[in-house]
């Protein structure tokens, strides 16, 4: 919700403060971005023109299916001969030269009805959003050198006749920077619209709102991005382009004062906010709420995970202490065997080493005994 300020400044055409006026009550309306987006989407549809493809498209050829039994699809085929077109599929959306799937019709539902209360609520929200500098800057407007938001000029603004005068007025207020932003943003449209007399696109600039047209329309209409609107005909499509609130608006004093007659007791109803304070965390944690709410519930009791007695000795001990003792004894014996393993290996290796030693002696004896010599070298005398 925009900040309520009972008094706002009025500036002359030279950018100097020349008076004050009261802030209209509609500027305190609740800001509903969801409602503005919804209404804008439906309002933008009401400017569409019907379009459709020709009812004859894709069917301007004589074709008939060949039926079954010829090992080809049953799609209608062009008759005749002597040309590559004969025998080709026709009519279907999968065929070359065929019609599209679900051809568009002119009797589509193009326009949308919008509830009048919703429309009025959205316009009031968009008007209130123009008084919030943060939302105006978030839309991309250059308002760094603007003296105040909302920007109100004296009623002589409505009698401006020349574009050169309008340009001087915007420069004196520091608002011409937003127009230069629009000029720099001009570029060629993406898509086929560039071939349909919609070649260029550009951003939106300031919106000048007046009470009576004494020449102001002719003065400002030729500035890029600048739009004009009468306060009696406020348009959501101009106040929130694209459904995004926070349009930079330049008001004449008469237009700003007319808002009190358009909205309020004598005019349209100003929407009321469902909540005066939207800070839910602060409301819930306040002493008034916490003193009457029920105390916080304790967390659910946590249970230990059930253990499997086949794998857990402790769980087995609760079920069968004797089986647990036997398993512990088996575990101890296994650990003891693991501890004695090194000694057993050492003894085996020592035994193998001693066997190798005797084996070496046996080899030497066998070699000595196996030597061939002259058996009868000393005759038959046996010593």
Foldseek 3Di string as FASTA:
>chain_A
DFDADQKDFAAALLQHTDGIDGFAPLLVFDADLVLLLVVLVQVVLAPDAFDWDDPCFQPPADWAFPDDDPPDDRATAGDDDDDPRGGAGTQDCVGVRHDHPPTDDRPDPRHDDDDPVSQVSSLSNLVSLQQDVVLQVVLPAPCPQAPHPPAEYAQCLLQDAALVSVCSSCVSRVQCVRLVQFVVFKDADPDPVCVVPPGIDTDAGEEEEHADRNRNCNRHVPRGRYHYDYLVDDDSCQSAPSSRGHHRYYYYPVSSVCSNCCEDPNHHDRDDDPDPDPPVVCVCPDPVNVVPDDDDDDDDDDDDDDDDVVPDLVVVCVVPVVVSVVVVVVVVVVVVCVVCVVVVVVVVVVVVVVVVVVVVVVVVVVVVVPDDDDPCPPHPDDD
